[in-house]
Amino acid sequence: LVQMSCVIGVPDPYKMQKVKAFVKLAAGVPANEETKQTLMAYCKKNIAKYAMPYDIEFREDMPKTLVGKVAYRELEEQELQKIKAAEEKETVTQ
């Protein structure tokens, strides 16, 4: 199912941080709700409750470092930008 994955901590007003997973699926695996539910069920069965991702985001590709590892800091920065944009949009609409 999964070719590559990475998890990061995302700021949360209640728990300080919550876990978000980024997944690059193997060839031929559809990026749909059924796949997401299958992965969430696997996580629920195999990892501790505090480490459960609240969301799984499917990606076509992952940012990588010069040595080929997933550049998780880049994913963190992208996620923070999304959160800031959503907060700004919410502030403007109020």
PDB file of N, CA and C in Angstrom:
ATOM      1  N   LEU A   1       0.796  -1.205   0.000  1.00  0.00           N
ATOM      2  CA  LEU A   1       0.000   0.000   0.000  1.00  0.00           C
ATOM      3  C   LEU A   1       0.838   1.269   0.000  1.00  0.00           C
ATOM      4  N   VAL A   2       1.834   1.328   0.882  1.00  0.00           N
ATOM      5  CA  VAL A   2       2.598   2.560   1.091  1.00  0.00           C
ATOM      6  C   VAL A   2       4.009   2.415   0.534  1.00  0.00           C
ATOM      7  N   GLN A   3       4.405   3.399  -0.256  1.00  0.00           N
ATOM      8  CA  GLN A   3       5.775   3.426  -0.766  1.00  0.00           C
ATOM      9  C   GLN A   3       6.681   4.208   0.178  1.00  0.00           C
ATOM     10  N   MET A   4       6.153   5.322   0.715  1.00  0.00           N
ATOM     11  CA  MET A   4       6.945   6.179   1.582  1.00  0.00           C
ATOM     12  C   MET A   4       6.005   6.951   2.505  1.00  0.00           C
ATOM     13  N   SER A   5       6.468   7.223   3.720  1.00  0.00           N
ATOM     14  CA  SER A   5       5.628   7.999   4.639  1.00  0.00           C
ATOM     15  C   SER A   5       6.485   8.839   5.571  1.00  0.00           C
ATOM     16  N   CYS A   6       5.835   9.808   6.174  1.00  0.00           N
ATOM     17  CA  CYS A   6       6.490  10.674   7.150  1.00  0.00           C
ATOM     18  C   CYS A   6       5.405  11.227   8.064  1.00  0.00           C
ATOM     19  N   VAL A   7       5.693  11.342   9.342  1.00  0.00           N
ATOM     20  CA  VAL A   7       4.749  11.967  10.270  1.00  0.00           C
ATOM     21  C   VAL A   7       5.413  13.180  10.904  1.00  0.00           C
ATOM     22  N   ILE A   8       4.579  14.180  11.188  1.00  0.00           N
ATOM     23  CA  ILE A   8       5.075  15.394  11.835  1.00  0.00           C
ATOM     24  C   ILE A   8       4.116  15.785  12.948  1.00  0.00           C
ATOM     25  N   GLY A   9       4.590  16.633  13.834  1.00  0.00           N
ATOM     26  CA  GLY A   9       3.736  17.219  14.855  1.00  0.00           C
ATOM     27  C   GLY A   9       3.176  18.531  14.345  1.00  0.00           C
ATOM     28  N   VAL A  10       1.867  18.698  14.462  1.00  0.00           N
ATOM     29  CA  VAL A  10       1.176  19.905  14.013  1.00  0.00           C
ATOM     30  C   VAL A  10       0.636  20.616  15.253  1.00  0.00           C
ATOM     31  N   PRO A  11       0.821  21.942  15.351  1.00  0.00           N
ATOM     32  CA  PRO A  11       0.316  22.664  16.526  1.00  0.00           C
ATOM     33  C   PRO A  11      -1.180  22.428  16.751  1.00  0.00           C
ATOM     34  N   ASP A  12      -1.532  22.232  18.026  1.00  0.00           N
ATOM     35  CA  ASP A  12      -2.923  22.002  18.402  1.00  0.00           C
ATOM     36  C   ASP A  12      -3.202  22.780  19.687  1.00  0.00           C
ATOM     37  N   PRO A  13      -4.265  23.573  19.719  1.00  0.00           N
ATOM     38  CA  PRO A  13      -4.529  24.383  20.913  1.00  0.00           C
ATOM     39  C   PRO A  13      -4.870  23.567  22.161  1.00  0.00           C
ATOM     40  N   TYR A  14      -5.284  22.325  21.999  1.00  0.00           N
ATOM     41  CA  TYR A  14      -5.693  21.509  23.146  1.00  0.00           C
ATOM     42  C   TYR A  14      -4.605  20.561  23.624  1.00  0.00           C
ATOM     43  N   LYS A  15      -3.865  19.966  22.687  1.00  0.00           N
ATOM     44  CA  LYS A  15      -2.871  18.963  23.058  1.00  0.00           C
ATOM     45  C   LYS A  15      -1.437  19.409  22.785  1.00  0.00           C
ATOM     46  N   MET A  16      -1.219  20.663  22.503  1.00  0.00           N
ATOM     47  CA  MET A  16       0.072  21.230  22.100  1.00  0.00           C
ATOM     48  C   MET A  16       0.444  20.805  20.681  1.00  0.00           C
ATOM     49  N   GLN A  17       0.441  19.503  20.422  1.00  0.00           N
ATOM     50  CA  GLN A  17       0.710  19.004  19.076  1.00  0.00           C
ATOM     51  C   GLN A  17      -0.137  17.778  18.807  1.00  0.00           C
ATOM     52  N   LYS A  18      -0.450  17.576  17.533  1.00  0.00           N
ATOM     53  CA  LYS A  18      -1.113  16.350  17.120  1.00  0.00           C
ATOM     54  C   LYS A  18      -0.354  15.803  15.921  1.00  0.00           C
ATOM     55  N   VAL A  19      -0.508  14.528  15.676  1.00  0.00           N
ATOM     56  CA  VAL A  19       0.263  13.831  14.653  1.00  0.00           C
ATOM     57  C   VAL A  19      -0.466  13.866  13.312  1.00  0.00           C
ATOM     58  N   LYS A  20       0.273  14.233  12.278  1.00  0.00           N
ATOM     59  CA  LYS A  20      -0.262  14.183  10.914  1.00  0.00           C
ATOM     60  C   LYS A  20       0.683  13.339  10.079  1.00  0.00           C
ATOM     61  N   ALA A  21       0.113  12.454   9.270  1.00  0.00           N
ATOM     62  CA  ALA A  21       0.907  11.573   8.418  1.00  0.00           C
ATOM     63  C   ALA A  21       0.817  12.015   6.960  1.00  0.00           C
ATOM     64  N   PHE A  22       1.937  11.933   6.279  1.00  0.00           N
ATOM     65  CA  PHE A  22       2.011  12.176   4.841  1.00  0.00           C
ATOM     66  C   PHE A  22       2.411  10.856   4.204  1.00  0.00           C
ATOM     67  N   VAL A  23       1.675  10.446   3.186  1.00  0.00           N
ATOM     68  CA  VAL A  23       1.888   9.128   2.597  1.00  0.00           C
ATOM     69  C   VAL A  23       1.982   9.225   1.083  1.00  0.00           C
ATOM     70  N   LYS A  24       3.019   8.595   0.541  1.00  0.00           N
ATOM     71  CA  LYS A  24       3.121   8.388  -0.903  1.00  0.00           C
ATOM     72  C   LYS A  24       2.739   6.931  -1.124  1.00  0.00           C
ATOM     73  N   LEU A  25       1.667   6.727  -1.839  1.00  0.00           N
ATOM     74  CA  LEU A  25       1.158   5.373  -2.043  1.00  0.00           C
ATOM     75  C   LEU A  25       1.955   4.630  -3.106  1.00  0.00           C
ATOM     76  N   ALA A  26       1.942   3.311  -3.009  1.00  0.00           N
ATOM     77  CA  ALA A  26       2.574   2.469  -4.017  1.00  0.00           C
ATOM     78  C   ALA A  26       1.800   2.599  -5.326  1.00  0.00           C
ATOM     79  N   ALA A  27       2.456   2.278  -6.414  1.00  0.00           N
ATOM     80  CA  ALA A  27       1.836   2.376  -7.738  1.00  0.00           C
ATOM     81  C   ALA A  27       0.561   1.544  -7.793  1.00  0.00           C
ATOM     82  N   GLY A  28      -0.486   2.138  -8.331  1.00  0.00           N
ATOM     83  CA  GLY A  28      -1.749   1.430  -8.503  1.00  0.00           C
ATOM     84  C   GLY A  28      -2.699   1.491  -7.322  1.00  0.00           C
ATOM     85  N   VAL A  29      -2.243   2.014  -6.196  1.00  0.00           N
ATOM     86  CA  VAL A  29      -3.110   2.121  -5.018  1.00  0.00           C
ATOM     87  C   VAL A  29      -3.856   3.455  -5.099  1.00  0.00           C
ATOM     88  N   PRO A  30      -5.185   3.427  -5.053  1.00  0.00           N
ATOM     89  CA  PRO A  30      -5.944   4.674  -5.186  1.00  0.00           C
ATOM     90  C   PRO A  30      -5.872   5.532  -3.917  1.00  0.00           C
ATOM     91  N   ALA A  31      -5.752   6.826  -4.107  1.00  0.00           N
ATOM     92  CA  ALA A  31      -5.735   7.772  -2.987  1.00  0.00           C
ATOM     93  C   ALA A  31      -7.172   8.184  -2.699  1.00  0.00           C
ATOM     94  N   ASN A  32      -7.882   7.313  -1.976  1.00  0.00           N
ATOM     95  CA  ASN A  32      -9.291   7.594  -1.688  1.00  0.00           C
ATOM     96  C   ASN A  32      -9.582   7.366  -0.202  1.00  0.00           C
ATOM     97  N   GLU A  33     -10.820   7.592   0.168  1.00  0.00           N
ATOM     98  CA  GLU A  33     -11.224   7.470   1.572  1.00  0.00           C
ATOM     99  C   GLU A  33     -11.077   6.033   2.082  1.00  0.00           C
ATOM    100  N   GLU A  34     -11.332   5.059   1.234  1.00  0.00           N
ATOM    101  CA  GLU A  34     -11.199   3.655   1.639  1.00  0.00           C
ATOM    102  C   GLU A  34      -9.748   3.331   2.005  1.00  0.00           C
ATOM    103  N   THR A  35      -8.805   3.804   1.209  1.00  0.00           N
ATOM    104  CA  THR A  35      -7.389   3.584   1.501  1.00  0.00           C
ATOM    105  C   THR A  35      -7.013   4.278   2.803  1.00  0.00           C
ATOM    106  N   LYS A  36      -7.507   5.493   2.987  1.00  0.00           N
ATOM    107  CA  LYS A  36      -7.224   6.236   4.216  1.00  0.00           C
ATOM    108  C   LYS A  36      -7.757   5.479   5.433  1.00  0.00           C
ATOM    109  N   GLN A  37      -8.976   4.952   5.339  1.00  0.00           N
ATOM    110  CA  GLN A  37      -9.565   4.203   6.453  1.00  0.00           C
ATOM    111  C   GLN A  37      -8.781   2.919   6.737  1.00  0.00           C
ATOM    112  N   THR A  38      -8.298   2.261   5.689  1.00  0.00           N
ATOM    113  CA  THR A  38      -7.482   1.057   5.859  1.00  0.00           C
ATOM    114  C   THR A  38      -6.200   1.389   6.614  1.00  0.00           C
ATOM    115  N   LEU A  39      -5.551   2.481   6.230  1.00  0.00           N
ATOM    116  CA  LEU A  39      -4.317   2.887   6.905  1.00  0.00           C
ATOM    117  C   LEU A  39      -4.577   3.312   8.348  1.00  0.00           C
ATOM    118  N   MET A  40      -5.676   4.027   8.579  1.00  0.00           N
ATOM    119  CA  MET A  40      -6.020   4.438   9.948  1.00  0.00           C
ATOM    120  C   MET A  40      -6.303   3.215  10.824  1.00  0.00           C
ATOM    121  N   ALA A  41      -6.987   2.222  10.275  1.00  0.00           N
ATOM    122  CA  ALA A  41      -7.268   0.994  11.025  1.00  0.00           C
ATOM    123  C   ALA A  41      -5.965   0.273  11.370  1.00  0.00           C
ATOM    124  N   TYR A  42      -5.030   0.240  10.432  1.00  0.00           N
ATOM    125  CA  TYR A  42      -3.731  -0.382  10.679  1.00  0.00           C
ATOM    126  C   TYR A  42      -3.000   0.359  11.805  1.00  0.00           C
ATOM    127  N   CYS A  43      -3.015   1.687  11.735  1.00  0.00           N
ATOM    128  CA  CYS A  43      -2.360   2.492  12.778  1.00  0.00           C
ATOM    129  C   CYS A  43      -2.997   2.239  14.141  1.00  0.00           C
ATOM    130  N   LYS A  44      -4.324   2.218  14.173  1.00  0.00           N
ATOM    131  CA  LYS A  44      -5.039   2.012  15.432  1.00  0.00           C
ATOM    132  C   LYS A  44      -4.670   0.674  16.065  1.00  0.00           C
ATOM    133  N   LYS A  45      -4.468  -0.329  15.228  1.00  0.00           N
ATOM    134  CA  LYS A  45      -4.145  -1.668  15.711  1.00  0.00           C
ATOM    135  C   LYS A  45      -2.678  -1.793  16.144  1.00  0.00           C
ATOM    136  N   ASN A  46      -1.780  -1.025  15.517  1.00  0.00           N
ATOM    137  CA  ASN A  46      -0.352  -1.270  15.695  1.00  0.00           C
ATOM    138  C   ASN A  46       0.451  -0.192  16.418  1.00  0.00           C
ATOM    139  N   ILE A  47      -0.131   0.965  16.669  1.00  0.00           N
ATOM    140  CA  ILE A  47       0.644   1.991  17.364  1.00  0.00           C
ATOM    141  C   ILE A  47      -0.142   2.549  18.549  1.00  0.00           C
ATOM    142  N   ALA A  48       0.582   3.198  19.447  1.00  0.00           N
ATOM    143  CA  ALA A  48      -0.033   3.753  20.657  1.00  0.00           C
ATOM    144  C   ALA A  48      -1.026   4.858  20.305  1.00  0.00           C
ATOM    145  N   LYS A  49      -2.018   5.030  21.171  1.00  0.00           N
ATOM    146  CA  LYS A  49      -3.075   6.014  20.930  1.00  0.00           C
ATOM    147  C   LYS A  49      -2.515   7.431  20.763  1.00  0.00           C
ATOM    148  N   TYR A  50      -1.525   7.799  21.579  1.00  0.00           N
ATOM    149  CA  TYR A  50      -0.964   9.146  21.490  1.00  0.00           C
ATOM    150  C   TYR A  50      -0.209   9.385  20.178  1.00  0.00           C
ATOM    151  N   ALA A  51       0.185   8.316  19.497  1.00  0.00           N
ATOM    152  CA  ALA A  51       0.933   8.434  18.244  1.00  0.00           C
ATOM    153  C   ALA A  51       0.040   8.312  17.009  1.00  0.00           C
ATOM    154  N   MET A  52      -1.262   8.125  17.224  1.00  0.00           N
ATOM    155  CA  MET A  52      -2.202   7.992  16.100  1.00  0.00           C
ATOM    156  C   MET A  52      -2.297   9.294  15.321  1.00  0.00           C
ATOM    157  N   PRO A  53      -2.168   9.226  14.004  1.00  0.00           N
ATOM    158  CA  PRO A  53      -2.366  10.452  13.223  1.00  0.00           C
ATOM    159  C   PRO A  53      -3.835  10.857  13.221  1.00  0.00           C
ATOM    160  N   TYR A  54      -4.080  12.161  13.306  1.00  0.00           N
ATOM    161  CA  TYR A  54      -5.457  12.648  13.213  1.00  0.00           C
ATOM    162  C   TYR A  54      -5.871  12.741  11.753  1.00  0.00           C
ATOM    163  N   ASP A  55      -4.868  12.783  10.863  1.00  0.00           N
ATOM    164  CA  ASP A  55      -5.155  12.887   9.436  1.00  0.00           C
ATOM    165  C   ASP A  55      -4.026  12.247   8.645  1.00  0.00           C
ATOM    166  N   ILE A  56      -4.377  11.744   7.476  1.00  0.00           N
ATOM    167  CA  ILE A  56      -3.397  11.225   6.530  1.00  0.00           C
ATOM    168  C   ILE A  56      -3.571  12.014   5.244  1.00  0.00           C
ATOM    169  N   GLU A  57      -2.485  12.620   4.790  1.00  0.00           N
ATOM    170  CA  GLU A  57      -2.510  13.366   3.530  1.00  0.00           C
ATOM    171  C   GLU A  57      -1.733  12.575   2.488  1.00  0.00           C
ATOM    172  N   PHE A  58      -2.396  12.247   1.396  1.00  0.00           N
ATOM    173  CA  PHE A  58      -1.732  11.540   0.311  1.00  0.00           C
ATOM    174  C   PHE A  58      -0.982  12.545  -0.550  1.00  0.00           C
ATOM    175  N   ARG A  59       0.244  12.180  -0.926  1.00  0.00           N
ATOM    176  CA  ARG A  59       1.076  13.051  -1.756  1.00  0.00           C
ATOM    177  C   ARG A  59       1.623  12.276  -2.939  1.00  0.00           C
ATOM    178  N   GLU A  60       1.768  12.973  -4.045  1.00  0.00           N
ATOM    179  CA  GLU A  60       2.371  12.367  -5.238  1.00  0.00           C
ATOM    180  C   GLU A  60       3.859  12.128  -5.013  1.00  0.00           C
ATOM    181  N   ASP A  61       4.485  13.049  -4.292  1.00  0.00           N
ATOM    182  CA  ASP A  61       5.913  12.947  -4.027  1.00  0.00           C
ATOM    183  C   ASP A  61       6.218  13.602  -2.686  1.00  0.00           C
ATOM    184  N   MET A  62       7.343  13.230  -2.113  1.00  0.00           N
ATOM    185  CA  MET A  62       7.774  13.798  -0.839  1.00  0.00           C
ATOM    186  C   MET A  62       9.011  14.658  -1.077  1.00  0.00           C
ATOM    187  N   PRO A  63       9.133  15.769  -0.369  1.00  0.00           N
ATOM    188  CA  PRO A  63      10.379  16.533  -0.466  1.00  0.00           C
ATOM    189  C   PRO A  63      11.501  15.715   0.168  1.00  0.00           C
ATOM    190  N   LYS A  64      12.680  15.782  -0.425  1.00  0.00           N
ATOM    191  CA  LYS A  64      13.799  14.985   0.081  1.00  0.00           C
ATOM    192  C   LYS A  64      15.018  15.852   0.335  1.00  0.00           C
ATOM    193  N   THR A  65      15.856  15.366   1.237  1.00  0.00           N
ATOM    194  CA  THR A  65      17.126  16.027   1.520  1.00  0.00           C
ATOM    195  C   THR A  65      18.138  15.606   0.456  1.00  0.00           C
ATOM    196  N   LEU A  66      19.326  16.165   0.538  1.00  0.00           N
ATOM    197  CA  LEU A  66      20.375  15.821  -0.423  1.00  0.00           C
ATOM    198  C   LEU A  66      20.781  14.352  -0.357  1.00  0.00           C
ATOM    199  N   VAL A  67      20.596  13.727   0.804  1.00  0.00           N
ATOM    200  CA  VAL A  67      20.959  12.313   0.936  1.00  0.00           C
ATOM    201  C   VAL A  67      19.782  11.373   0.688  1.00  0.00           C
ATOM    202  N   GLY A  68      18.640  11.922   0.271  1.00  0.00           N
ATOM    203  CA  GLY A  68      17.506  11.090  -0.116  1.00  0.00           C
ATOM    204  C   GLY A  68      16.495  10.783   0.974  1.00  0.00           C
ATOM    205  N   LYS A  69      16.670  11.357   2.157  1.00  0.00           N
ATOM    206  CA  LYS A  69      15.686  11.154   3.224  1.00  0.00           C
ATOM    207  C   LYS A  69      14.533  12.136   3.042  1.00  0.00           C
ATOM    208  N   VAL A  70      13.389  11.822   3.646  1.00  0.00           N
ATOM    209  CA  VAL A  70      12.247  12.737   3.579  1.00  0.00           C
ATOM    210  C   VAL A  70      12.592  14.006   4.357  1.00  0.00           C
ATOM    211  N   ALA A  71      12.394  15.145   3.726  1.00  0.00           N
ATOM    212  CA  ALA A  71      12.676  16.445   4.343  1.00  0.00           C
ATOM    213  C   ALA A  71      11.478  16.849   5.201  1.00  0.00           C
ATOM    214  N   TYR A  72      11.410  16.284   6.400  1.00  0.00           N
ATOM    215  CA  TYR A  72      10.246  16.516   7.257  1.00  0.00           C
ATOM    216  C   TYR A  72      10.123  17.971   7.686  1.00  0.00           C
ATOM    217  N   ARG A  73      11.227  18.676   7.789  1.00  0.00           N
ATOM    218  CA  ARG A  73      11.164  20.099   8.155  1.00  0.00           C
ATOM    219  C   ARG A  73      10.420  20.895   7.078  1.00  0.00           C
ATOM    220  N   GLU A  74      10.605  20.510   5.830  1.00  0.00           N
ATOM    221  CA  GLU A  74       9.886  21.163   4.736  1.00  0.00           C
ATOM    222  C   GLU A  74       8.387  20.873   4.833  1.00  0.00           C
ATOM    223  N   LEU A  75       8.040  19.636   5.190  1.00  0.00           N
ATOM    224  CA  LEU A  75       6.626  19.290   5.389  1.00  0.00           C
ATOM    225  C   LEU A  75       6.040  20.093   6.552  1.00  0.00           C
ATOM    226  N   GLU A  76       6.816  20.237   7.633  1.00  0.00           N
ATOM    227  CA  GLU A  76       6.349  21.032   8.775  1.00  0.00           C
ATOM    228  C   GLU A  76       6.091  22.477   8.356  1.00  0.00           C
ATOM    229  N   GLU A  77       7.007  23.041   7.583  1.00  0.00           N
ATOM    230  CA  GLU A  77       6.857  24.427   7.140  1.00  0.00           C
ATOM    231  C   GLU A  77       5.631  24.581   6.241  1.00  0.00           C
ATOM    232  N   GLN A  78       5.422  23.644   5.329  1.00  0.00           N
ATOM    233  CA  GLN A  78       4.251  23.685   4.451  1.00  0.00           C
ATOM    234  C   GLN A  78       2.963  23.622   5.271  1.00  0.00           C
ATOM    235  N   GLU A  79       2.953  22.771   6.275  1.00  0.00           N
ATOM    236  CA  GLU A  79       1.758  22.620   7.109  1.00  0.00           C
ATOM    237  C   GLU A  79       1.498  23.887   7.925  1.00  0.00           C
ATOM    238  N   LEU A  80       2.544  24.486   8.461  1.00  0.00           N
ATOM    239  CA  LEU A  80       2.384  25.737   9.208  1.00  0.00           C
ATOM    240  C   LEU A  80       1.852  26.849   8.309  1.00  0.00           C
ATOM    241  N   GLN A  81       2.307  26.888   7.074  1.00  0.00           N
ATOM    242  CA  GLN A  81       1.804  27.892   6.126  1.00  0.00           C
ATOM    243  C   GLN A  81       0.317  27.680   5.852  1.00  0.00           C
ATOM    244  N   LYS A  82      -0.104  26.418   5.721  1.00  0.00           N
ATOM    245  CA  LYS A  82      -1.529  26.112   5.521  1.00  0.00           C
ATOM    246  C   LYS A  82      -2.358  26.595   6.715  1.00  0.00           C
ATOM    247  N   ILE A  83      -1.854  26.335   7.918  1.00  0.00           N
ATOM    248  CA  ILE A  83      -2.569  26.726   9.135  1.00  0.00           C
ATOM    249  C   ILE A  83      -2.677  28.247   9.219  1.00  0.00           C
ATOM    250  N   LYS A  84      -1.574  28.945   8.951  1.00  0.00           N
ATOM    251  CA  LYS A  84      -1.585  30.412   8.997  1.00  0.00           C
ATOM    252  C   LYS A  84      -2.546  30.981   7.965  1.00  0.00           C
ATOM    253  N   ALA A  85      -2.548  30.418   6.766  1.00  0.00           N
ATOM    254  CA  ALA A  85      -3.454  30.889   5.708  1.00  0.00           C
ATOM    255  C   ALA A  85      -4.908  30.681   6.120  1.00  0.00           C
ATOM    256  N   ALA A  86      -5.204  29.535   6.732  1.00  0.00           N
ATOM    257  CA  ALA A  86      -6.571  29.253   7.181  1.00  0.00           C
ATOM    258  C   ALA A  86      -6.981  30.214   8.297  1.00  0.00           C
ATOM    259  N   GLU A  87      -6.059  30.502   9.219  1.00  0.00           N
ATOM    260  CA  GLU A  87      -6.355  31.438  10.309  1.00  0.00           C
ATOM    261  C   GLU A  87      -6.593  32.847   9.772  1.00  0.00           C
ATOM    262  N   GLU A  88      -5.778  33.266   8.805  1.00  0.00           N
ATOM    263  CA  GLU A  88      -5.952  34.594   8.209  1.00  0.00           C
ATOM    264  C   GLU A  88      -7.286  34.688   7.479  1.00  0.00           C
ATOM    265  N   LYS A  89      -7.632  33.637   6.763  1.00  0.00           N
ATOM    266  CA  LYS A  89      -8.902  33.607   6.038  1.00  0.00           C
ATOM    267  C   LYS A  89     -10.068  33.681   7.021  1.00  0.00           C
ATOM    268  N   GLU A  90      -9.942  32.952   8.136  1.00  0.00           N
ATOM    269  CA  GLU A  90     -10.983  32.946   9.164  1.00  0.00           C
ATOM    270  C   GLU A  90     -11.121  34.331   9.797  1.00  0.00           C
ATOM    271  N   THR A  91     -10.000  35.000  10.035  1.00  0.00           N
ATOM    272  CA  THR A  91     -10.011  36.336  10.627  1.00  0.00           C
ATOM    273  C   THR A  91     -10.666  37.342   9.682  1.00  0.00           C
ATOM    274  N   VAL A  92     -10.380  37.231   8.404  1.00  0.00           N
ATOM    275  CA  VAL A  92     -10.936  38.148   7.409  1.00  0.00           C
ATOM    276  C   VAL A  92     -12.442  37.974   7.279  1.00  0.00           C
ATOM    277  N   THR A  93     -12.936  36.748   7.354  1.00  0.00           N
ATOM    278  CA  THR A  93     -14.367  36.490   7.174  1.00  0.00           C
ATOM    279  C   THR A  93     -15.196  36.818   8.409  1.00  0.00           C
ATOM    280  N   GLN A  94     -14.563  37.065   9.533  1.00  0.00           N
ATOM    281  CA  GLN A  94     -15.323  37.365  10.758  1.00  0.00           C
ATOM    282  C   GLN A  94     -15.720  38.790  10.853  1.00  0.00           C
TER     283      GLN A  94
END
